[in-house]
Amino acid sequence: MNGPRVFAHTLVWVKRHLLKQLPVPEIDLLRPHVKAEDVLLDVGAHSGAWSVALSRLVPRGRVYAFEALPYYARVLRGTLWILRKSNIEVVGKPVLDEGRPVQMVWRSPGGEHLTGMTHVAGRGESSLDTVTVNGITLDEFLSGSRGHIRFIKMDTEGAELLALQGARHVLQRFRPFFYIELNETYCQRYGHQAEDVISFFRQYDYRGYQRHAGSPLLPVEAATYGGDGDVWFVPTETEEAFLAHQGL
């Protein structure tokens, strides 16, 4: 893709990071539970807001930033290089239920660039502007000795359940914390509902929690979920410790 455009976009992201315009306040809930040598994942990294925040928690560990669209992966690599974030590695692949090629939608029907909203093509989207990329599963990517997986953030515009279905071994082996964007409309692109994600986690003894405008964390149930928001999913065996460090 266009080199000068990538460079210009990179400088925009670098400036936003340096001016602290990409805050991640939710990181305070995670901080007490992360060790300096842990491995943390940012699935759907885009500008790297989460990746950079997470990198500060693991000075002796590693952050893997998954960004599926080749253009944004290049911009993110350049951004992190300028910021000297050597413990972040960009993985230019979508995270799915199986390793396979998929179409990534990068422009809306009206022709606008989907900044921060690129996604795997869902139902009825095959005619939109797309680029083909090869997907990967987290079970495959983390099959080697990469360290202890402590946390996974997911924001893949509705394809979160697909990513989770390819991470069953990771859930069972590492029991990481999750922070997931869960939007009913986006989930329907792929033939499922937001409540299916909540039910999936329950199969692995996880509980969902959400908070609004500084309120305490409140349990999230599949039958009553409001349909849009960001949800923490916590292993039941660490639930008490997690709730004890709400930072409110």
C-alpha atoms as a PDB file:
ATOM      1  CA  MET A   1       0.000   0.000   0.000  1.00  0.00           C
ATOM      2  CA  ASN A   2       0.967   3.664  -0.370  1.00  0.00           C
ATOM      3  CA  GLY A   3       4.153   4.310   1.631  1.00  0.00           C
ATOM      4  CA  PRO A   4       3.750   8.087   2.166  1.00  0.00           C
ATOM      5  CA  ARG A   5       0.174   7.584   3.320  1.00  0.00           C
ATOM      6  CA  VAL A   6       1.244   4.904   5.801  1.00  0.00           C
ATOM      7  CA  PHE A   7       3.969   7.200   7.143  1.00  0.00           C
ATOM      8  CA  ALA A   8       1.566  10.138   7.526  1.00  0.00           C
ATOM      9  CA  HIS A   9      -0.972   7.938   9.296  1.00  0.00           C
ATOM     10  CA  THR A  10       1.773   6.599  11.557  1.00  0.00           C
ATOM     11  CA  LEU A  11       2.705  10.116  12.647  1.00  0.00           C
ATOM     12  CA  VAL A  12      -0.932  10.833  13.504  1.00  0.00           C
ATOM     13  CA  TRP A  13      -1.078   7.793  15.775  1.00  0.00           C
ATOM     14  CA  VAL A  14       2.287   8.577  17.364  1.00  0.00           C
ATOM     15  CA  LYS A  15       1.103  12.093  18.159  1.00  0.00           C
ATOM     16  CA  ARG A  16      -2.097  10.792  19.748  1.00  0.00           C
ATOM     17  CA  HIS A  17      -0.119   8.400  21.930  1.00  0.00           C
ATOM     18  CA  LEU A  18       2.373  11.068  23.014  1.00  0.00           C
ATOM     19  CA  LEU A  19      -0.432  13.519  23.833  1.00  0.00           C
ATOM     20  CA  LYS A  20      -2.185  10.798  25.851  1.00  0.00           C
ATOM     21  CA  GLN A  21      -5.298  11.008  23.677  1.00  0.00           C
ATOM     22  CA  LEU A  22      -5.833   7.228  23.755  1.00  0.00           C
ATOM     23  CA  PRO A  23      -6.582   6.514  27.435  1.00  0.00           C
ATOM     24  CA  VAL A  24      -7.440   3.016  28.657  1.00  0.00           C
ATOM     25  CA  PRO A  25      -8.918   3.528  32.151  1.00  0.00           C
ATOM     26  CA  GLU A  26     -10.057  -0.105  32.353  1.00  0.00           C
ATOM     27  CA  ILE A  27      -6.424  -1.138  32.728  1.00  0.00           C
ATOM     28  CA  ASP A  28      -6.606  -0.282  36.443  1.00  0.00           C
ATOM     29  CA  LEU A  29      -8.849  -3.295  37.074  1.00  0.00           C
ATOM     30  CA  LEU A  30      -6.285  -5.583  35.478  1.00  0.00           C
ATOM     31  CA  ARG A  31      -3.131  -4.137  37.001  1.00  0.00           C
ATOM     32  CA  PRO A  32      -3.204  -6.006  40.376  1.00  0.00           C
ATOM     33  CA  HIS A  33      -3.431  -9.378  38.635  1.00  0.00           C
ATOM     34  CA  VAL A  34      -0.610  -9.094  36.080  1.00  0.00           C
ATOM     35  CA  LYS A  35       3.011 -10.130  36.617  1.00  0.00           C
ATOM     36  CA  ALA A  36       5.901  -8.361  34.899  1.00  0.00           C
ATOM     37  CA  GLU A  37       6.772 -11.435  32.808  1.00  0.00           C
ATOM     38  CA  ASP A  38       3.224 -12.269  31.662  1.00  0.00           C
ATOM     39  CA  VAL A  39       1.954 -12.453  28.084  1.00  0.00           C
ATOM     40  CA  LEU A  40      -1.011 -10.236  27.165  1.00  0.00           C
ATOM     41  CA  LEU A  41      -3.031 -10.195  23.934  1.00  0.00           C
ATOM     42  CA  ASP A  42      -4.715  -7.315  22.131  1.00  0.00           C
ATOM     43  CA  VAL A  43      -7.021  -8.847  19.517  1.00  0.00           C
ATOM     44  CA  GLY A  44      -8.241  -6.065  17.262  1.00  0.00           C
ATOM     45  CA  ALA A  45      -5.441  -3.655  18.116  1.00  0.00           C
ATOM     46  CA  HIS A  46      -6.049  -0.857  15.560  1.00  0.00           C
ATOM     47  CA  SER A  47      -4.190   2.225  16.906  1.00  0.00           C
ATOM     48  CA  GLY A  48      -2.526   0.238  19.684  1.00  0.00           C
ATOM     49  CA  ALA A  49      -4.148   2.053  22.612  1.00  0.00           C
ATOM     50  CA  TRP A  50      -4.565  -1.166  24.576  1.00  0.00           C
ATOM     51  CA  SER A  51      -1.265  -2.617  23.346  1.00  0.00           C
ATOM     52  CA  VAL A  52       0.751   0.337  24.607  1.00  0.00           C
ATOM     53  CA  ALA A  53      -1.083   0.428  27.942  1.00  0.00           C
ATOM     54  CA  LEU A  54      -0.596  -3.318  28.392  1.00  0.00           C
ATOM     55  CA  SER A  55       3.094  -3.122  27.519  1.00  0.00           C
ATOM     56  CA  ARG A  56       3.716  -1.013  30.610  1.00  0.00           C
ATOM     57  CA  LEU A  57       2.383  -3.828  32.806  1.00  0.00           C
ATOM     58  CA  VAL A  58       4.788  -6.450  31.445  1.00  0.00           C
ATOM     59  CA  PRO A  59       8.297  -4.952  31.129  1.00  0.00           C
ATOM     60  CA  ARG A  60       9.771  -8.468  31.109  1.00  0.00           C
ATOM     61  CA  GLY A  61       6.855 -10.023  29.245  1.00  0.00           C
ATOM     62  CA  ARG A  62       5.224  -9.689  25.847  1.00  0.00           C
ATOM     63  CA  VAL A  63       2.177  -8.139  24.210  1.00  0.00           C
ATOM     64  CA  TYR A  64       0.851  -9.614  20.972  1.00  0.00           C
ATOM     65  CA  ALA A  65      -1.184  -7.080  19.004  1.00  0.00           C
ATOM     66  CA  PHE A  66      -3.416  -8.683  16.370  1.00  0.00           C
ATOM     67  CA  GLU A  67      -4.421  -6.339  13.562  1.00  0.00           C
ATOM     68  CA  ALA A  68      -5.968  -8.082  10.573  1.00  0.00           C
ATOM     69  CA  LEU A  69      -5.990  -5.356   7.934  1.00  0.00           C
ATOM     70  CA  PRO A  70      -2.534  -5.141   6.287  1.00  0.00           C
ATOM     71  CA  TYR A  71      -2.631  -1.345   6.037  1.00  0.00           C
ATOM     72  CA  TYR A  72      -3.341  -0.808   9.735  1.00  0.00           C
ATOM     73  CA  ALA A  73      -0.829  -3.488  10.712  1.00  0.00           C
ATOM     74  CA  ARG A  74       1.858  -1.505   8.867  1.00  0.00           C
ATOM     75  CA  VAL A  75       0.804   1.736  10.529  1.00  0.00           C
ATOM     76  CA  LEU A  76       0.803   0.077  13.939  1.00  0.00           C
ATOM     77  CA  ARG A  77       4.270  -1.428  13.440  1.00  0.00           C
ATOM     78  CA  GLY A  78       5.626   1.986  12.500  1.00  0.00           C
ATOM     79  CA  THR A  79       3.910   3.610  15.464  1.00  0.00           C
ATOM     80  CA  LEU A  80       5.343   1.120  17.940  1.00  0.00           C
ATOM     81  CA  TRP A  81       8.814   1.404  16.398  1.00  0.00           C
ATOM     82  CA  ILE A  82       8.820   5.175  16.854  1.00  0.00           C
ATOM     83  CA  LEU A  83       7.495   4.795  20.408  1.00  0.00           C
ATOM     84  CA  ARG A  84      10.228   2.192  21.087  1.00  0.00           C
ATOM     85  CA  LYS A  85       7.783  -0.410  22.325  1.00  0.00           C
ATOM     86  CA  SER A  86      10.052  -3.408  21.853  1.00  0.00           C
ATOM     87  CA  ASN A  87       7.913  -5.775  23.944  1.00  0.00           C
ATOM     88  CA  ILE A  88       4.949  -5.502  21.551  1.00  0.00           C
ATOM     89  CA  GLU A  89       4.761  -7.738  18.485  1.00  0.00           C
ATOM     90  CA  VAL A  90       2.209  -7.016  15.759  1.00  0.00           C
ATOM     91  CA  VAL A  91       0.532 -10.073  14.233  1.00  0.00           C
ATOM     92  CA  GLY A  92      -1.112  -9.199  10.923  1.00  0.00           C
ATOM     93  CA  LYS A  93      -3.833 -11.844  10.964  1.00  0.00           C
ATOM     94  CA  PRO A  94      -7.492 -12.047  11.984  1.00  0.00           C
ATOM     95  CA  VAL A  95      -8.187 -14.334  14.938  1.00  0.00           C
ATOM     96  CA  LEU A  96     -10.812 -16.935  14.018  1.00  0.00           C
ATOM     97  CA  ASP A  97     -12.261 -20.358  14.791  1.00  0.00           C
ATOM     98  CA  GLU A  98      -9.900 -21.983  12.292  1.00  0.00           C
ATOM     99  CA  GLY A  99      -6.946 -21.018  10.149  1.00  0.00           C
ATOM    100  CA  ARG A 100      -8.418 -20.019   6.796  1.00  0.00           C
ATOM    101  CA  PRO A 101      -8.450 -17.144   4.318  1.00  0.00           C
ATOM    102  CA  VAL A 102     -11.201 -14.566   4.868  1.00  0.00           C
ATOM    103  CA  GLN A 103     -12.330 -11.293   3.363  1.00  0.00           C
ATOM    104  CA  MET A 104     -11.768  -8.199   5.511  1.00  0.00           C
ATOM    105  CA  VAL A 105     -14.181  -5.306   4.901  1.00  0.00           C
ATOM    106  CA  TRP A 106     -12.298  -2.016   4.929  1.00  0.00           C
ATOM    107  CA  ARG A 107     -14.756   0.406   3.333  1.00  0.00           C
ATOM    108  CA  SER A 108     -18.464   1.040   3.942  1.00  0.00           C
ATOM    109  CA  PRO A 109     -21.171   0.788   1.237  1.00  0.00           C
ATOM    110  CA  GLY A 110     -20.952   4.587   0.961  1.00  0.00           C
ATOM    111  CA  GLY A 111     -17.217   4.453   0.275  1.00  0.00           C
ATOM    112  CA  GLU A 112     -15.989   5.712   3.654  1.00  0.00           C
ATOM    113  CA  HIS A 113     -12.895   4.097   5.169  1.00  0.00           C
ATOM    114  CA  LEU A 114     -13.858   2.044   8.223  1.00  0.00           C
ATOM    115  CA  THR A 115     -11.311   3.510  10.617  1.00  0.00           C
ATOM    116  CA  GLY A 116     -11.368   1.284  13.688  1.00  0.00           C
ATOM    117  CA  MET A 117     -14.301  -0.751  12.356  1.00  0.00           C
ATOM    118  CA  THR A 118     -12.732  -3.044   9.761  1.00  0.00           C
ATOM    119  CA  HIS A 119     -14.052  -6.568  10.162  1.00  0.00           C
ATOM    120  CA  VAL A 120     -14.324 -10.046   8.697  1.00  0.00           C
ATOM    121  CA  ALA A 121     -16.983 -10.002   5.971  1.00  0.00           C
ATOM    122  CA  GLY A 122     -20.249 -11.341   7.339  1.00  0.00           C
ATOM    123  CA  ARG A 123     -23.603 -12.166   5.824  1.00  0.00           C
ATOM    124  CA  GLY A 124     -24.453 -10.025   2.814  1.00  0.00           C
ATOM    125  CA  GLU A 125     -21.131  -8.190   2.794  1.00  0.00           C
ATOM    126  CA  SER A 126     -19.332 -10.025   0.002  1.00  0.00           C
ATOM    127  CA  SER A 127     -19.960  -7.153  -2.432  1.00  0.00           C
ATOM    128  CA  LEU A 128     -18.215  -4.549  -0.252  1.00  0.00           C
ATOM    129  CA  ASP A 129     -14.587  -3.468  -0.671  1.00  0.00           C
ATOM    130  CA  THR A 130     -12.520  -6.239   0.892  1.00  0.00           C
ATOM    131  CA  VAL A 131      -8.992  -7.590   1.089  1.00  0.00           C
ATOM    132  CA  THR A 132      -8.137 -11.278   1.533  1.00  0.00           C
ATOM    133  CA  VAL A 133      -6.082 -12.229   4.591  1.00  0.00           C
ATOM    134  CA  ASN A 134      -5.201 -15.540   6.227  1.00  0.00           C
ATOM    135  CA  GLY A 135      -6.738 -16.144   9.637  1.00  0.00           C
ATOM    136  CA  ILE A 136      -5.266 -17.925  12.637  1.00  0.00           C
ATOM    137  CA  THR A 137      -6.575 -19.440  15.868  1.00  0.00           C
ATOM    138  CA  LEU A 138      -5.248 -18.499  19.284  1.00  0.00           C
ATOM    139  CA  ASP A 139      -4.817 -22.186  20.093  1.00  0.00           C
ATOM    140  CA  GLU A 140      -2.509 -22.487  17.089  1.00  0.00           C
ATOM    141  CA  PHE A 141      -0.637 -19.253  17.745  1.00  0.00           C
ATOM    142  CA  LEU A 142      -0.096 -20.036  21.423  1.00  0.00           C
ATOM    143  CA  SER A 143       0.707 -23.723  21.008  1.00  0.00           C
ATOM    144  CA  GLY A 144       4.406 -23.146  21.720  1.00  0.00           C
ATOM    145  CA  SER A 145       6.103 -21.866  24.865  1.00  0.00           C
ATOM    146  CA  ARG A 146       5.277 -18.163  24.680  1.00  0.00           C
ATOM    147  CA  GLY A 147       4.755 -17.761  28.432  1.00  0.00           C
ATOM    148  CA  HIS A 148       1.740 -17.448  30.703  1.00  0.00           C
ATOM    149  CA  ILE A 149      -1.270 -15.885  28.978  1.00  0.00           C
ATOM    150  CA  ARG A 150      -2.796 -13.625  31.636  1.00  0.00           C
ATOM    151  CA  PHE A 151      -5.192 -11.405  29.689  1.00  0.00           C
ATOM    152  CA  ILE A 152      -6.909 -11.150  26.303  1.00  0.00           C
ATOM    153  CA  LYS A 153      -8.707  -8.065  25.039  1.00  0.00           C
ATOM    154  CA  MET A 154     -10.998  -8.635  22.036  1.00  0.00           C
ATOM    155  CA  ASP A 155     -12.621  -6.043  19.816  1.00  0.00           C
ATOM    156  CA  THR A 156     -13.312  -7.622  16.441  1.00  0.00           C
ATOM    157  CA  GLU A 157     -16.610  -5.973  15.516  1.00  0.00           C
ATOM    158  CA  GLY A 158     -18.837  -8.989  16.194  1.00  0.00           C
ATOM    159  CA  ALA A 159     -16.475 -11.868  15.371  1.00  0.00           C
ATOM    160  CA  GLU A 160     -15.523 -12.429  19.021  1.00  0.00           C
ATOM    161  CA  LEU A 161     -17.309 -15.785  19.247  1.00  0.00           C
ATOM    162  CA  LEU A 162     -15.363 -17.061  16.238  1.00  0.00           C
ATOM    163  CA  ALA A 163     -12.118 -16.080  17.954  1.00  0.00           C
ATOM    164  CA  LEU A 164     -13.189 -17.770  21.194  1.00  0.00           C
ATOM    165  CA  GLN A 165     -14.095 -20.992  19.413  1.00  0.00           C
ATOM    166  CA  GLY A 166     -10.487 -21.160  18.273  1.00  0.00           C
ATOM    167  CA  ALA A 167      -9.181 -20.560  21.798  1.00  0.00           C
ATOM    168  CA  ARG A 168     -10.714 -23.417  23.799  1.00  0.00           C
ATOM    169  CA  HIS A 169      -7.350 -24.844  24.813  1.00  0.00           C
ATOM    170  CA  VAL A 170      -6.133 -21.392  25.871  1.00  0.00           C
ATOM    171  CA  LEU A 171      -9.170 -20.971  28.123  1.00  0.00           C
ATOM    172  CA  GLN A 172      -8.675 -24.365  29.711  1.00  0.00           C
ATOM    173  CA  ARG A 173      -4.911 -24.159  30.145  1.00  0.00           C
ATOM    174  CA  PHE A 174      -4.246 -20.525  31.108  1.00  0.00           C
ATOM    175  CA  ARG A 175      -7.597 -19.242  32.456  1.00  0.00           C
ATOM    176  CA  PRO A 176      -6.896 -15.657  31.330  1.00  0.00           C
ATOM    177  CA  PHE A 177      -9.026 -12.617  32.062  1.00  0.00           C
ATOM    178  CA  PHE A 178     -10.941 -11.273  29.047  1.00  0.00           C
ATOM    179  CA  TYR A 179     -12.218  -7.817  28.160  1.00  0.00           C
ATOM    180  CA  ILE A 180     -14.546  -7.998  25.169  1.00  0.00           C
ATOM    181  CA  GLU A 181     -16.621  -5.575  23.138  1.00  0.00           C
ATOM    182  CA  LEU A 182     -20.023  -7.224  22.884  1.00  0.00           C
ATOM    183  CA  ASN A 183     -22.434  -5.682  20.390  1.00  0.00           C
ATOM    184  CA  GLU A 184     -25.633  -7.475  19.399  1.00  0.00           C
ATOM    185  CA  THR A 185     -25.882  -5.906  15.933  1.00  0.00           C
ATOM    186  CA  TYR A 186     -22.286  -6.755  15.080  1.00  0.00           C
ATOM    187  CA  CYS A 187     -22.661 -10.345  16.332  1.00  0.00           C
ATOM    188  CA  GLN A 188     -25.592 -10.896  13.978  1.00  0.00           C
ATOM    189  CA  ARG A 189     -23.270 -10.460  10.993  1.00  0.00           C
ATOM    190  CA  TYR A 190     -21.944 -13.932  11.790  1.00  0.00           C
ATOM    191  CA  GLY A 191     -25.187 -15.693  12.648  1.00  0.00           C
ATOM    192  CA  HIS A 192     -25.065 -15.522  16.440  1.00  0.00           C
ATOM    193  CA  GLN A 193     -26.128 -13.252  19.290  1.00  0.00           C
ATOM    194  CA  ALA A 194     -24.297 -11.482  22.088  1.00  0.00           C
ATOM    195  CA  GLU A 195     -25.835 -13.876  24.596  1.00  0.00           C
ATOM    196  CA  ASP A 196     -24.095 -16.755  22.798  1.00  0.00           C
ATOM    197  CA  VAL A 197     -20.741 -15.263  23.818  1.00  0.00           C
ATOM    198  CA  ILE A 198     -21.854 -15.061  27.450  1.00  0.00           C
ATOM    199  CA  SER A 199     -23.131 -18.644  27.324  1.00  0.00           C
ATOM    200  CA  PHE A 200     -19.851 -19.791  25.783  1.00  0.00           C
ATOM    201  CA  PHE A 201     -17.911 -18.425  28.720  1.00  0.00           C
ATOM    202  CA  ARG A 202     -20.253 -20.063  31.200  1.00  0.00           C
ATOM    203  CA  GLN A 203     -19.289 -23.448  29.723  1.00  0.00           C
ATOM    204  CA  TYR A 204     -15.744 -22.745  30.899  1.00  0.00           C
ATOM    205  CA  ASP A 205     -16.710 -21.466  34.367  1.00  0.00           C
ATOM    206  CA  TYR A 206     -16.323 -17.770  33.624  1.00  0.00           C
ATOM    207  CA  ARG A 207     -18.564 -14.974  34.878  1.00  0.00           C
ATOM    208  CA  GLY A 208     -19.268 -11.741  33.012  1.00  0.00           C
ATOM    209  CA  TYR A 209     -19.106  -8.292  34.636  1.00  0.00           C
ATOM    210  CA  GLN A 210     -19.822  -4.808  33.377  1.00  0.00           C
ATOM    211  CA  ARG A 211     -19.862  -1.310  34.818  1.00  0.00           C
ATOM    212  CA  HIS A 212     -21.287   1.985  33.633  1.00  0.00           C
ATOM    213  CA  ALA A 213     -20.137   5.528  34.467  1.00  0.00           C
ATOM    214  CA  GLY A 214     -18.043   4.619  37.482  1.00  0.00           C
ATOM    215  CA  SER A 215     -20.557   2.224  38.997  1.00  0.00           C
ATOM    216  CA  PRO A 216     -19.411  -1.002  40.683  1.00  0.00           C
ATOM    217  CA  LEU A 217     -18.954  -4.063  38.518  1.00  0.00           C
ATOM    218  CA  LEU A 218     -22.273  -5.811  38.065  1.00  0.00           C
ATOM    219  CA  PRO A 219     -22.870  -9.405  36.893  1.00  0.00           C
ATOM    220  CA  VAL A 220     -23.858  -9.922  33.265  1.00  0.00           C
ATOM    221  CA  GLU A 221     -26.331 -12.656  32.386  1.00  0.00           C
ATOM    222  CA  ALA A 222     -27.087 -13.982  28.906  1.00  0.00           C
ATOM    223  CA  ALA A 223     -30.855 -13.543  29.212  1.00  0.00           C
ATOM    224  CA  THR A 224     -30.727  -9.920  30.387  1.00  0.00           C
ATOM    225  CA  TYR A 225     -27.705  -8.456  28.588  1.00  0.00           C
ATOM    226  CA  GLY A 226     -28.472  -5.022  27.131  1.00  0.00           C
ATOM    227  CA  GLY A 227     -26.884  -5.773  23.771  1.00  0.00           C
ATOM    228  CA  ASP A 228     -24.044  -3.271  23.597  1.00  0.00           C
ATOM    229  CA  GLY A 229     -20.996  -2.597  25.768  1.00  0.00           C
ATOM    230  CA  ASP A 230     -17.678  -3.912  27.037  1.00  0.00           C
ATOM    231  CA  VAL A 231     -17.682  -6.943  29.313  1.00  0.00           C
ATOM    232  CA  TRP A 232     -15.068  -8.450  31.618  1.00  0.00           C
ATOM    233  CA  PHE A 233     -15.049 -12.247  31.710  1.00  0.00           C
ATOM    234  CA  VAL A 234     -13.385 -13.635  34.810  1.00  0.00           C
ATOM    235  CA  PRO A 235     -12.598 -17.264  35.767  1.00  0.00           C
ATOM    236  CA  THR A 236     -14.735 -18.224  38.746  1.00  0.00           C
ATOM    237  CA  GLU A 237     -11.671 -19.370  40.695  1.00  0.00           C
ATOM    238  CA  THR A 238     -10.211 -15.827  40.597  1.00  0.00           C
ATOM    239  CA  GLU A 239     -13.528 -13.971  40.727  1.00  0.00           C
ATOM    240  CA  GLU A 240     -13.296 -12.979  44.395  1.00  0.00           C
ATOM    241  CA  ALA A 241      -9.793 -11.534  44.031  1.00  0.00           C
ATOM    242  CA  PHE A 242     -10.757  -9.659  40.871  1.00  0.00           C
ATOM    243  CA  LEU A 243     -13.781  -8.036  42.487  1.00  0.00           C
ATOM    244  CA  ALA A 244     -11.740  -7.078  45.546  1.00  0.00           C
ATOM    245  CA  HIS A 245      -9.540  -4.820  43.367  1.00  0.00           C
ATOM    246  CA  GLN A 246     -12.174  -2.746  41.593  1.00  0.00           C
ATOM    247  CA  GLY A 247     -10.314   0.480  42.288  1.00  0.00           C
ATOM    248  CA  LEU A 248     -13.494   2.443  42.956  1.00  0.00           C
END
